[in-house]
Amino acid sequence: MTVSRPTALAAVWAGGVVGTGARVGLVMSVPMMTFPLVTFVINVVGAFALGVLLEALLNSRIDAGRQAVIRLAVGTGLLGGFTTYSTLAVDTVLLLRSAASVTALGYAGGTVLLGVLAAAAGVRLGRRGRSA
């Protein structure tokens, strides 16, 4: 089954609305800090969730068309809206401008490194769920 363009766009849009809303809600519910902890956690958790999702879909028994819609809605839309690497970039620049270079480099590098490790852990979890 091929996913139509309107269906694909609707899936990404709907997921993006939910993911972005969740991120904004979390960011607004936590007081501002000198270290952008909320964005850091959101990006790492999002990487983990994406690893779980993609691995779980890889060998699922769901037909290819439905897999594509789930991947677009949850992976591209929801998790794409939830995570925010543009804010990672802006926060890093703001930290650099405030002469917090060590914090800026730790934040940027730590987000990427922990994001990769979290995605790998998510893939492992997705594999375990598949073999159970």
C-alpha atoms as a PDB file:
ATOM      1  CA  MET A   1       0.000   0.000   0.000  1.00  0.00           C
ATOM      2  CA  THR A   2       1.385   3.392  -0.979  1.00  0.00           C
ATOM      3  CA  VAL A   3       0.665   6.354   1.278  1.00  0.00           C
ATOM      4  CA  SER A   4      -0.927   9.283  -0.541  1.00  0.00           C
ATOM      5  CA  ARG A   5       0.707  12.673  -0.285  1.00  0.00           C
ATOM      6  CA  PRO A   6      -2.251  14.216   1.604  1.00  0.00           C
ATOM      7  CA  THR A   7      -2.192  11.334   4.108  1.00  0.00           C
ATOM      8  CA  ALA A   8       1.555  11.710   4.605  1.00  0.00           C
ATOM      9  CA  LEU A   9       1.261  15.463   5.104  1.00  0.00           C
ATOM     10  CA  ALA A  10      -1.650  15.062   7.519  1.00  0.00           C
ATOM     11  CA  ALA A  11       0.279  12.454   9.524  1.00  0.00           C
ATOM     12  CA  VAL A  12       3.333  14.705   9.865  1.00  0.00           C
ATOM     13  CA  TRP A  13       1.181  17.745  10.675  1.00  0.00           C
ATOM     14  CA  ALA A  14      -0.889  15.965  13.342  1.00  0.00           C
ATOM     15  CA  GLY A  15       2.186  14.443  14.986  1.00  0.00           C
ATOM     16  CA  GLY A  16       4.019  17.758  14.819  1.00  0.00           C
ATOM     17  CA  VAL A  17       1.188  19.598  16.538  1.00  0.00           C
ATOM     18  CA  VAL A  18       1.225  17.107  19.425  1.00  0.00           C
ATOM     19  CA  GLY A  19       5.024  16.936  19.706  1.00  0.00           C
ATOM     20  CA  THR A  20       5.541  20.677  19.545  1.00  0.00           C
ATOM     21  CA  GLY A  21       2.754  21.243  22.054  1.00  0.00           C
ATOM     22  CA  ALA A  22       4.319  18.747  24.451  1.00  0.00           C
ATOM     23  CA  ARG A  23       7.739  20.396  24.140  1.00  0.00           C
ATOM     24  CA  VAL A  24       6.401  23.903  24.626  1.00  0.00           C
ATOM     25  CA  GLY A  25       4.381  22.748  27.633  1.00  0.00           C
ATOM     26  CA  LEU A  26       7.446  21.198  29.243  1.00  0.00           C
ATOM     27  CA  VAL A  27       9.665  24.193  28.540  1.00  0.00           C
ATOM     28  CA  MET A  28       7.082  26.610  29.930  1.00  0.00           C
ATOM     29  CA  SER A  29       6.469  24.525  33.057  1.00  0.00           C
ATOM     30  CA  VAL A  30      10.105  24.622  34.193  1.00  0.00           C
ATOM     31  CA  PRO A  31      11.678  27.878  35.394  1.00  0.00           C
ATOM     32  CA  MET A  32      14.478  29.322  33.247  1.00  0.00           C
ATOM     33  CA  MET A  33      17.962  28.188  34.233  1.00  0.00           C
ATOM     34  CA  THR A  34      21.455  29.120  33.142  1.00  0.00           C
ATOM     35  CA  PHE A  35      21.820  25.614  31.667  1.00  0.00           C
ATOM     36  CA  PRO A  36      19.105  24.586  29.161  1.00  0.00           C
ATOM     37  CA  LEU A  37      18.320  21.347  30.992  1.00  0.00           C
ATOM     38  CA  VAL A  38      14.790  20.925  29.638  1.00  0.00           C
ATOM     39  CA  THR A  39      15.915  21.110  26.008  1.00  0.00           C
ATOM     40  CA  PHE A  40      18.802  18.763  26.795  1.00  0.00           C
ATOM     41  CA  VAL A  41      16.465  16.153  28.323  1.00  0.00           C
ATOM     42  CA  ILE A  42      13.854  16.556  25.578  1.00  0.00           C
ATOM     43  CA  ASN A  43      16.426  15.920  22.843  1.00  0.00           C
ATOM     44  CA  VAL A  44      17.912  12.854  24.549  1.00  0.00           C
ATOM     45  CA  VAL A  45      14.487  11.370  25.366  1.00  0.00           C
ATOM     46  CA  GLY A  46      13.357  12.040  21.788  1.00  0.00           C
ATOM     47  CA  ALA A  47      16.396  10.241  20.382  1.00  0.00           C
ATOM     48  CA  PHE A  48      15.649   7.256  22.631  1.00  0.00           C
ATOM     49  CA  ALA A  49      11.995   7.181  21.586  1.00  0.00           C
ATOM     50  CA  LEU A  50      12.930   7.382  17.909  1.00  0.00           C
ATOM     51  CA  GLY A  51      15.279   4.413  18.316  1.00  0.00           C
ATOM     52  CA  VAL A  52      12.512   2.367  19.955  1.00  0.00           C
ATOM     53  CA  LEU A  53       9.973   3.363  17.314  1.00  0.00           C
ATOM     54  CA  LEU A  54      12.083   2.653  14.253  1.00  0.00           C
ATOM     55  CA  GLU A  55      13.361  -0.664  15.554  1.00  0.00           C
ATOM     56  CA  ALA A  56       9.873  -1.747  16.614  1.00  0.00           C
ATOM     57  CA  LEU A  57       8.510  -0.903  13.161  1.00  0.00           C
ATOM     58  CA  LEU A  58      11.395  -2.594  11.356  1.00  0.00           C
ATOM     59  CA  ASN A  59      10.108  -6.131  11.737  1.00  0.00           C
ATOM     60  CA  SER A  60       6.567  -5.522  12.863  1.00  0.00           C
ATOM     61  CA  ARG A  61       3.696  -7.322  11.224  1.00  0.00           C
ATOM     62  CA  ILE A  62       2.049  -4.049  10.310  1.00  0.00           C
ATOM     63  CA  ASP A  63       1.724  -3.588   6.549  1.00  0.00           C
ATOM     64  CA  ALA A  64       4.151  -1.204   4.838  1.00  0.00           C
ATOM     65  CA  GLY A  65       1.586   1.532   4.246  1.00  0.00           C
ATOM     66  CA  ARG A  66       0.548   1.685   7.888  1.00  0.00           C
ATOM     67  CA  GLN A  67       4.193   1.532   8.967  1.00  0.00           C
ATOM     68  CA  ALA A  68       4.890   4.553   6.783  1.00  0.00           C
ATOM     69  CA  VAL A  69       1.990   6.510   8.305  1.00  0.00           C
ATOM     70  CA  ILE A  70       3.111   5.612  11.854  1.00  0.00           C
ATOM     71  CA  ARG A  71       6.713   6.542  11.039  1.00  0.00           C
ATOM     72  CA  LEU A  72       5.612   9.861   9.550  1.00  0.00           C
ATOM     73  CA  ALA A  73       3.143  10.714  12.340  1.00  0.00           C
ATOM     74  CA  VAL A  74       5.217   9.595  15.306  1.00  0.00           C
ATOM     75  CA  GLY A  75       8.809   9.736  14.059  1.00  0.00           C
ATOM     76  CA  THR A  76       8.835  12.744  11.755  1.00  0.00           C
ATOM     77  CA  GLY A  77       5.867  14.614  13.216  1.00  0.00           C
ATOM     78  CA  LEU A  78       5.602  13.983  16.946  1.00  0.00           C
ATOM     79  CA  LEU A  79       9.272  13.353  17.731  1.00  0.00           C
ATOM     80  CA  GLY A  80      10.444  15.900  15.165  1.00  0.00           C
ATOM     81  CA  GLY A  81       8.244  18.510  16.830  1.00  0.00           C
ATOM     82  CA  PHE A  82       9.157  17.352  20.333  1.00  0.00           C
ATOM     83  CA  THR A  83      12.916  17.462  19.858  1.00  0.00           C
ATOM     84  CA  THR A  84      14.488  20.765  19.022  1.00  0.00           C
ATOM     85  CA  TYR A  85      17.936  20.857  17.576  1.00  0.00           C
ATOM     86  CA  SER A  86      17.412  24.423  16.404  1.00  0.00           C
ATOM     87  CA  THR A  87      17.044  25.425  20.058  1.00  0.00           C
ATOM     88  CA  LEU A  88      20.169  23.383  20.816  1.00  0.00           C
ATOM     89  CA  ALA A  89      22.051  25.532  18.293  1.00  0.00           C
ATOM     90  CA  VAL A  90      20.632  28.817  19.602  1.00  0.00           C
ATOM     91  CA  ASP A  91      21.244  27.864  23.240  1.00  0.00           C
ATOM     92  CA  THR A  92      24.822  26.908  22.391  1.00  0.00           C
ATOM     93  CA  VAL A  93      25.441  30.268  20.729  1.00  0.00           C
ATOM     94  CA  LEU A  94      23.875  32.124  23.673  1.00  0.00           C
ATOM     95  CA  LEU A  95      26.088  30.222  26.104  1.00  0.00           C
ATOM     96  CA  LEU A  96      29.151  31.012  23.978  1.00  0.00           C
ATOM     97  CA  ARG A  97      28.224  34.709  23.898  1.00  0.00           C
ATOM     98  CA  SER A  98      27.839  34.768  27.663  1.00  0.00           C
ATOM     99  CA  ALA A  99      31.422  33.504  28.005  1.00  0.00           C
ATOM    100  CA  ALA A 100      30.276  30.064  29.162  1.00  0.00           C
ATOM    101  CA  SER A 101      32.310  28.247  26.511  1.00  0.00           C
ATOM    102  CA  VAL A 102      32.926  25.098  28.537  1.00  0.00           C
ATOM    103  CA  THR A 103      29.217  24.835  29.341  1.00  0.00           C
ATOM    104  CA  ALA A 104      28.312  25.517  25.684  1.00  0.00           C
ATOM    105  CA  LEU A 105      30.634  22.825  24.370  1.00  0.00           C
ATOM    106  CA  GLY A 106      29.535  20.382  27.058  1.00  0.00           C
ATOM    107  CA  TYR A 107      25.890  21.081  26.277  1.00  0.00           C
ATOM    108  CA  ALA A 108      26.257  20.716  22.503  1.00  0.00           C
ATOM    109  CA  GLY A 109      28.626  17.753  22.617  1.00  0.00           C
ATOM    110  CA  GLY A 110      26.778  16.091  25.471  1.00  0.00           C
ATOM    111  CA  THR A 111      23.441  16.390  23.704  1.00  0.00           C
ATOM    112  CA  VAL A 112      24.788  14.794  20.539  1.00  0.00           C
ATOM    113  CA  LEU A 113      26.742  12.055  22.349  1.00  0.00           C
ATOM    114  CA  LEU A 114      23.937  11.171  24.755  1.00  0.00           C
ATOM    115  CA  GLY A 115      21.440  11.387  21.892  1.00  0.00           C
ATOM    116  CA  VAL A 116      23.383   8.776  19.923  1.00  0.00           C
ATOM    117  CA  LEU A 117      23.698   6.554  23.002  1.00  0.00           C
ATOM    118  CA  ALA A 118      19.995   7.008  23.795  1.00  0.00           C
ATOM    119  CA  ALA A 119      19.003   6.104  20.228  1.00  0.00           C
ATOM    120  CA  ALA A 120      21.180   2.970  20.438  1.00  0.00           C
ATOM    121  CA  ALA A 121      19.551   2.050  23.756  1.00  0.00           C
ATOM    122  CA  GLY A 122      16.144   2.598  22.152  1.00  0.00           C
ATOM    123  CA  VAL A 123      17.073   0.287  19.287  1.00  0.00           C
ATOM    124  CA  ARG A 124      18.116  -2.375  21.803  1.00  0.00           C
ATOM    125  CA  LEU A 125      14.843  -1.998  23.656  1.00  0.00           C
ATOM    126  CA  GLY A 126      12.928  -2.210  20.380  1.00  0.00           C
ATOM    127  CA  ARG A 127      14.750  -5.459  19.565  1.00  0.00           C
ATOM    128  CA  ARG A 128      13.934  -6.935  22.967  1.00  0.00           C
ATOM    129  CA  GLY A 129      10.275  -6.093  22.510  1.00  0.00           C
ATOM    130  CA  ARG A 130      10.334  -7.816  19.142  1.00  0.00           C
ATOM    131  CA  SER A 131      11.900 -11.024  20.452  1.00  0.00           C
ATOM    132  CA  ALA A 132       9.529 -11.284  23.430  1.00  0.00           C
END
